[in-house]
All heavy atoms as atom14 arrays in JSON, in Angstrom:
{
  "sequence": "TFNQDVKIYLGDERENPVNLTCHDWISNSPP",
  "atom14_mask": [
    [1, 1, 1, 1, 1, 1, 1, 0, 0, 0, 0, 0, 0, 0],
    [1, 1, 1, 1, 1, 1, 1, 1, 1, 1, 1, 0, 0, 0],
    [1, 1, 1, 1, 1, 1, 1, 1, 0, 0, 0, 0, 0, 0],
    [1, 1, 1, 1, 1, 1, 1, 1, 1, 0, 0, 0, 0, 0],
    [1, 1, 1, 1, 1, 1, 1, 1, 0, 0, 0, 0, 0, 0],
    [1, 1, 1, 1, 1, 1, 1, 0, 0, 0, 0, 0, 0, 0],
    [1, 1, 1, 1, 1, 1, 1, 1, 1, 0, 0, 0, 0, 0],
    [1, 1, 1, 1, 1, 1, 1, 1, 0, 0, 0, 0, 0, 0],
    [1, 1, 1, 1, 1, 1, 1, 1, 1, 1, 1, 1, 0, 0],
    [1, 1, 1, 1, 1, 1, 1, 1, 0, 0, 0, 0, 0, 0],
    [1, 1, 1, 1, 0, 0, 0, 0, 0, 0, 0, 0, 0, 0],
    [1, 1, 1, 1, 1, 1, 1, 1, 0, 0, 0, 0, 0, 0],
    [1, 1, 1, 1, 1, 1, 1, 1, 1, 0, 0, 0, 0, 0],
    [1, 1, 1, 1, 1, 1, 1, 1, 1, 1, 1, 0, 0, 0],
    [1, 1, 1, 1, 1, 1, 1, 1, 1, 0, 0, 0, 0, 0],
    [1, 1, 1, 1, 1, 1, 1, 1, 0, 0, 0, 0, 0, 0],
    [1, 1, 1, 1, 1, 1, 1, 0, 0, 0, 0, 0, 0, 0],
    [1, 1, 1, 1, 1, 1, 1, 0, 0, 0, 0, 0, 0, 0],
    [1, 1, 1, 1, 1, 1, 1, 1, 0, 0, 0, 0, 0, 0],
    [1, 1, 1, 1, 1, 1, 1, 1, 0, 0, 0, 0, 0, 0],
    [1, 1, 1, 1, 1, 1, 1, 0, 0, 0, 0, 0, 0, 0],
    [1, 1, 1, 1, 1, 1, 0, 0, 0, 0, 0, 0, 0, 0],
    [1, 1, 1, 1, 1, 1, 1, 1, 1, 1, 0, 0, 0, 0],
    [1, 1, 1, 1, 1, 1, 1, 1, 0, 0, 0, 0, 0, 0],
    [1, 1, 1, 1, 1, 1, 1, 1, 1, 1, 1, 1, 1, 1],
    [1, 1, 1, 1, 1, 1, 1, 1, 0, 0, 0, 0, 0, 0],
    [1, 1, 1, 1, 1, 1, 0, 0, 0, 0, 0, 0, 0, 0],
    [1, 1, 1, 1, 1, 1, 1, 1, 0, 0, 0, 0, 0, 0],
    [1, 1, 1, 1, 1, 1, 0, 0, 0, 0, 0, 0, 0, 0],
    [1, 1, 1, 1, 1, 1, 1, 0, 0, 0, 0, 0, 0, 0],
    [1, 1, 1, 1, 1, 1, 1, 0, 0, 0, 0, 0, 0, 0]
  ],
  "atom14_positions": [
    [[-31.21, 9.03, -1.84], [-30.0, 9.63, -2.42], [-29.25, 10.53, -1.44], [-28.13, 10.95, -1.74], [-30.35, 10.46, -3.67], [-31.15, 11.6, -3.27], [-31.15, 9.63, -4.67], [0.0, 0.0, 0.0], [0.0, 0.0, 0.0], [0.0, 0.0, 0.0], [0.0, 0.0, 0.0], [0.0, 0.0, 0.0], [0.0, 0.0, 0.0], [0.0, 0.0, 0.0]],
    [[-29.86, 10.83, -0.29], [-29.24, 11.8, 0.62], [-27.89, 11.32, 1.16], [-27.05, 12.14, 1.54], [-30.17, 12.12, 1.78], [-31.45, 12.81, 1.38], [-32.52, 12.88, 2.24], [-31.58, 13.38, 0.12], [-33.71, 13.5, 1.87], [-32.75, 14.0, -0.26], [-33.82, 14.06, 0.61], [0.0, 0.0, 0.0], [0.0, 0.0, 0.0], [0.0, 0.0, 0.0]],
    [[-27.7, 10.02, 1.23], [-26.44, 9.48, 1.74], [-25.44, 9.18, 0.63], [-24.37, 8.63, 0.89], [-26.69, 8.22, 2.56], [-27.43, 8.52, 3.86], [-27.15, 9.52, 4.52], [-28.38, 7.68, 4.21], [0.0, 0.0, 0.0], [0.0, 0.0, 0.0], [0.0, 0.0, 0.0], [0.0, 0.0, 0.0], [0.0, 0.0, 0.0], [0.0, 0.0, 0.0]],
    [[-25.8, 9.52, -0.61], [-24.89, 9.3, -1.74], [-24.13, 10.59, -2.02], [-24.49, 11.38, -2.88], [-25.69, 8.85, -2.97], [-26.44, 7.55, -2.77], [-27.37, 7.23, -3.94], [-27.25, 7.83, -5.01], [-28.27, 6.28, -3.73], [0.0, 0.0, 0.0], [0.0, 0.0, 0.0], [0.0, 0.0, 0.0], [0.0, 0.0, 0.0], [0.0, 0.0, 0.0]],
    [[-23.08, 10.8, -1.24], [-22.32, 12.04, -1.37], [-21.71, 12.17, -2.76], [-21.14, 11.21, -3.31], [-21.2, 12.1, -0.32], [-21.75, 12.23, 1.09], [-22.84, 12.82, 1.23], [-21.11, 11.75, 2.04], [0.0, 0.0, 0.0], [0.0, 0.0, 0.0], [0.0, 0.0, 0.0], [0.0, 0.0, 0.0], [0.0, 0.0, 0.0], [0.0, 0.0, 0.0]],
    [[-21.79, 13.35, -3.32], [-21.2, 13.61, -4.62], [-19.68, 13.59, -4.49], [-19.11, 14.13, -3.55], [-21.67, 14.98, -5.15], [-20.94, 15.35, -6.43], [-23.17, 14.95, -5.39], [0.0, 0.0, 0.0], [0.0, 0.0, 0.0], [0.0, 0.0, 0.0], [0.0, 0.0, 0.0], [0.0, 0.0, 0.0], [0.0, 0.0, 0.0], [0.0, 0.0, 0.0]],
    [[-19.03, 12.97, -5.44], [-17.56, 12.89, -5.46], [-17.02, 13.74, -6.61], [-17.61, 13.83, -7.67], [-17.11, 11.44, -5.67], [-17.71, 10.41, -4.73], [-17.24, 10.6, -3.3], [-17.59, 9.41, -2.4], [-19.03, 9.08, -2.37], [0.0, 0.0, 0.0], [0.0, 0.0, 0.0], [0.0, 0.0, 0.0], [0.0, 0.0, 0.0], [0.0, 0.0, 0.0]],
    [[-15.86, 14.34, -6.38], [-15.15, 15.07, -7.42], [-14.09, 14.15, -8.01], [-13.29, 13.56, -7.28], [-14.51, 16.35, -6.85], [-15.6, 17.27, -6.28], [-13.7, 17.07, -7.91], [-15.05, 18.48, -5.55], [0.0, 0.0, 0.0], [0.0, 0.0, 0.0], [0.0, 0.0, 0.0], [0.0, 0.0, 0.0], [0.0, 0.0, 0.0], [0.0, 0.0, 0.0]],
    [[-14.1, 14.0, -9.32], [-13.17, 13.09, -9.98], [-11.76, 13.67, -10.01], [-11.56, 14.84, -10.32], [-13.59, 12.83, -11.42], [-14.81, 11.96, -11.61], [-15.29, 11.67, -12.88], [-15.49, 11.42, -10.52], [-16.41, 10.88, -13.08], [-16.6, 10.62, -10.69], [-17.06, 10.35, -11.97], [-18.16, 9.56, -12.17], [0.0, 0.0, 0.0], [0.0, 0.0, 0.0]],
    [[-10.77, 12.81, -9.73], [-9.36, 13.12, -9.96], [-8.83, 12.11, -10.98], [-9.23, 10.95, -10.98], [-8.55, 13.02, -8.67], [-8.93, 13.9, -7.48], [-7.86, 13.8, -6.4], [-9.15, 15.34, -7.88], [0.0, 0.0, 0.0], [0.0, 0.0, 0.0], [0.0, 0.0, 0.0], [0.0, 0.0, 0.0], [0.0, 0.0, 0.0], [0.0, 0.0, 0.0]],
    [[-7.91, 12.56, -11.84], [-7.27, 11.64, -12.76], [-8.13, 11.22, -13.93], [-7.89, 10.16, -14.52], [0.0, 0.0, 0.0], [0.0, 0.0, 0.0], [0.0, 0.0, 0.0], [0.0, 0.0, 0.0], [0.0, 0.0, 0.0], [0.0, 0.0, 0.0], [0.0, 0.0, 0.0], [0.0, 0.0, 0.0], [0.0, 0.0, 0.0], [0.0, 0.0, 0.0]],
    [[-9.11, 12.03, -14.3], [-9.91, 11.74, -15.49], [-9.32, 12.55, -16.64], [-9.06, 13.74, -16.5], [-11.37, 12.13, -15.26], [-12.29, 11.65, -16.37], [-12.08, 12.08, -17.52], [-13.2, 10.85, -16.09], [0.0, 0.0, 0.0], [0.0, 0.0, 0.0], [0.0, 0.0, 0.0], [0.0, 0.0, 0.0], [0.0, 0.0, 0.0], [0.0, 0.0, 0.0]],
    [[-9.11, 11.91, -17.79], [-8.46, 12.58, -18.91], [-9.23, 13.79, -19.41], [-8.67, 14.68, -20.05], [-8.26, 11.59, -20.06], [-9.54, 11.03, -20.63], [-9.31, 10.01, -21.73], [-8.14, 9.6, -21.91], [-10.28, 9.62, -22.39], [0.0, 0.0, 0.0], [0.0, 0.0, 0.0], [0.0, 0.0, 0.0], [0.0, 0.0, 0.0], [0.0, 0.0, 0.0]],
    [[-10.52, 13.87, -19.1], [-11.31, 14.99, -19.57], [-11.09, 16.25, -18.74], [-11.47, 17.35, -19.15], [-12.8, 14.63, -19.56], [-13.17, 13.58, -20.58], [-14.55, 13.02, -20.35], [-14.63, 12.26, -19.1], [-15.7, 11.6, -18.68], [-16.8, 11.62, -19.43], [-15.69, 10.94, -17.56], [0.0, 0.0, 0.0], [0.0, 0.0, 0.0], [0.0, 0.0, 0.0]],
    [[-10.5, 16.11, -17.55], [-10.17, 17.29, -16.73], [-9.0, 16.95, -15.83], [-9.16, 16.36, -14.76], [-11.36, 17.73, -15.89], [-11.09, 19.04, -15.15], [-12.32, 19.59, -14.46], [-13.37, 18.94, -14.48], [-12.22, 20.7, -13.91], [0.0, 0.0, 0.0], [0.0, 0.0, 0.0], [0.0, 0.0, 0.0], [0.0, 0.0, 0.0], [0.0, 0.0, 0.0]],
    [[-7.83, 17.31, -16.28], [-6.61, 17.06, -15.53], [-5.64, 18.2, -15.85], [-5.26, 18.37, -17.01], [-6.0, 15.72, -15.93], [-4.78, 15.36, -15.09], [-4.82, 15.47, -13.86], [-3.72, 14.93, -15.74], [0.0, 0.0, 0.0], [0.0, 0.0, 0.0], [0.0, 0.0, 0.0], [0.0, 0.0, 0.0], [0.0, 0.0, 0.0], [0.0, 0.0, 0.0]],
    [[-5.26, 19.03, -14.87], [-5.52, 18.9, -13.43], [-6.93, 19.33, -13.04], [-7.67, 19.88, -13.85], [-4.48, 19.84, -12.82], [-4.3, 20.91, -13.88], [-4.39, 20.18, -15.19], [0.0, 0.0, 0.0], [0.0, 0.0, 0.0], [0.0, 0.0, 0.0], [0.0, 0.0, 0.0], [0.0, 0.0, 0.0], [0.0, 0.0, 0.0], [0.0, 0.0, 0.0]],
    [[-7.25, 19.08, -11.74], [-8.53, 19.46, -11.17], [-8.29, 20.53, -10.12], [-7.4, 20.4, -9.27], [-9.23, 18.24, -10.53], [-10.44, 18.68, -9.73], [-9.65, 17.25, -11.61], [0.0, 0.0, 0.0], [0.0, 0.0, 0.0], [0.0, 0.0, 0.0], [0.0, 0.0, 0.0], [0.0, 0.0, 0.0], [0.0, 0.0, 0.0], [0.0, 0.0, 0.0]],
    [[-9.09, 21.6, -10.19], [-9.0, 22.68, -9.21], [-10.07, 22.48, -8.15], [-11.27, 22.5, -8.45], [-9.19, 24.03, -9.89], [-8.06, 24.36, -10.85], [-6.95, 24.7, -10.42], [-8.32, 24.26, -12.14], [0.0, 0.0, 0.0], [0.0, 0.0, 0.0], [0.0, 0.0, 0.0], [0.0, 0.0, 0.0], [0.0, 0.0, 0.0], [0.0, 0.0, 0.0]],
    [[-9.65, 22.3, -6.91], [-10.57, 22.18, -5.78], [-10.56, 23.5, -5.0], [-9.5, 24.1, -4.81], [-10.15, 21.05, -4.85], [-9.99, 19.66, -5.46], [-9.42, 18.69, -4.43], [-11.31, 19.14, -5.99], [0.0, 0.0, 0.0], [0.0, 0.0, 0.0], [0.0, 0.0, 0.0], [0.0, 0.0, 0.0], [0.0, 0.0, 0.0], [0.0, 0.0, 0.0]],
    [[-11.74, 23.94, -4.57], [-11.8, 25.12, -3.71], [-12.62, 24.79, -2.47], [-13.45, 23.87, -2.48], [-12.44, 26.34, -4.41], [-13.86, 26.16, -4.46], [-11.89, 26.52, -5.82], [0.0, 0.0, 0.0], [0.0, 0.0, 0.0], [0.0, 0.0, 0.0], [0.0, 0.0, 0.0], [0.0, 0.0, 0.0], [0.0, 0.0, 0.0], [0.0, 0.0, 0.0]],
    [[-12.43, 25.57, -1.43], [-13.14, 25.35, -0.18], [-14.65, 25.55, -0.32], [-15.42, 25.17, 0.56], [-12.59, 26.23, 0.94], [-12.64, 28.0, 0.55], [0.0, 0.0, 0.0], [0.0, 0.0, 0.0], [0.0, 0.0, 0.0], [0.0, 0.0, 0.0], [0.0, 0.0, 0.0], [0.0, 0.0, 0.0], [0.0, 0.0, 0.0], [0.0, 0.0, 0.0]],
    [[-15.08, 26.14, -1.43], [-16.5, 26.28, -1.73], [-17.2, 24.93, -1.65], [-18.38, 24.84, -1.3], [-16.64, 26.89, -3.13], [-18.02, 27.3, -3.53], [-18.93, 26.42, -4.04], [-18.64, 28.5, -3.5], [-20.05, 27.06, -4.32], [-19.91, 28.32, -4.0], [0.0, 0.0, 0.0], [0.0, 0.0, 0.0], [0.0, 0.0, 0.0], [0.0, 0.0, 0.0]],
    [[-16.47, 23.85, -1.97], [-17.04, 22.5, -2.01], [-16.64, 21.64, -0.82], [-16.76, 20.41, -0.87], [-16.65, 21.81, -3.31], [-17.22, 22.52, -4.52], [-18.42, 22.84, -4.5], [-16.48, 22.77, -5.48], [0.0, 0.0, 0.0], [0.0, 0.0, 0.0], [0.0, 0.0, 0.0], [0.0, 0.0, 0.0], [0.0, 0.0, 0.0], [0.0, 0.0, 0.0]],
    [[-16.15, 22.27, 0.24], [-15.85, 21.51, 1.45], [-17.11, 20.86, 2.03], [-18.2, 21.44, 1.99], [-15.31, 22.43, 2.54], [-13.84, 22.67, 2.51], [-12.89, 21.99, 1.82], [-13.15, 23.69, 3.24], [-11.64, 22.53, 2.05], [-11.78, 23.56, 2.93], [-13.55, 24.69, 4.12], [-10.8, 24.4, 3.48], [-12.6, 25.53, 4.67], [-11.24, 25.39, 4.35]],
    [[-16.94, 19.71, 2.62], [-17.92, 19.15, 3.55], [-17.4, 19.49, 4.94], [-16.28, 19.14, 5.3], [-18.05, 17.62, 3.39], [-18.33, 17.26, 1.93], [-19.13, 17.09, 4.31], [-19.64, 17.78, 1.39], [0.0, 0.0, 0.0], [0.0, 0.0, 0.0], [0.0, 0.0, 0.0], [0.0, 0.0, 0.0], [0.0, 0.0, 0.0], [0.0, 0.0, 0.0]],
    [[-18.2, 20.22, 5.71], [-17.73, 20.67, 7.02], [-18.9, 20.92, 7.95], [-20.06, 20.93, 7.53], [-16.89, 21.95, 6.88], [-17.68, 23.0, 6.37], [0.0, 0.0, 0.0], [0.0, 0.0, 0.0], [0.0, 0.0, 0.0], [0.0, 0.0, 0.0], [0.0, 0.0, 0.0], [0.0, 0.0, 0.0], [0.0, 0.0, 0.0], [0.0, 0.0, 0.0]],
    [[-18.6, 21.14, 9.21], [-19.64, 21.39, 10.21], [-20.11, 22.84, 10.22], [-21.11, 23.17, 10.85], [-19.11, 21.01, 11.6], [-18.92, 19.52, 11.75], [-19.67, 18.73, 11.18], [-17.89, 19.12, 12.48], [0.0, 0.0, 0.0], [0.0, 0.0, 0.0], [0.0, 0.0, 0.0], [0.0, 0.0, 0.0], [0.0, 0.0, 0.0], [0.0, 0.0, 0.0]],
    [[-19.38, 23.71, 9.55], [-19.77, 25.11, 9.46], [-19.73, 25.54, 8.0], [-19.04, 24.92, 7.19], [-18.83, 25.98, 10.3], [-17.48, 25.8, 9.89], [0.0, 0.0, 0.0], [0.0, 0.0, 0.0], [0.0, 0.0, 0.0], [0.0, 0.0, 0.0], [0.0, 0.0, 0.0], [0.0, 0.0, 0.0], [0.0, 0.0, 0.0], [0.0, 0.0, 0.0]],
    [[-20.47, 26.59, 7.64], [-20.46, 27.01, 6.24], [-19.06, 27.34, 5.76], [-18.32, 28.07, 6.44], [-21.35, 28.26, 6.26], [-22.23, 28.1, 7.46], [-21.38, 27.4, 8.47], [0.0, 0.0, 0.0], [0.0, 0.0, 0.0], [0.0, 0.0, 0.0], [0.0, 0.0, 0.0], [0.0, 0.0, 0.0], [0.0, 0.0, 0.0], [0.0, 0.0, 0.0]],
    [[-18.66, 26.82, 4.61], [-17.31, 27.11, 4.1], [-17.25, 28.52, 3.53], [-18.28, 29.16, 3.29], [-17.14, 26.07, 2.99], [-18.53, 25.83, 2.5], [-19.41, 25.93, 3.71], [0.0, 0.0, 0.0], [0.0, 0.0, 0.0], [0.0, 0.0, 0.0], [0.0, 0.0, 0.0], [0.0, 0.0, 0.0], [0.0, 0.0, 0.0], [0.0, 0.0, 0.0]]
  ]
}
């Protein structure tokens, strides 16, 4: 499962709009 990156849904009727924050960035350094 380590290569199965979690995805954040966009355009789902249960949560629209979606708020993204840098807390959930994938990056080379801690966000």
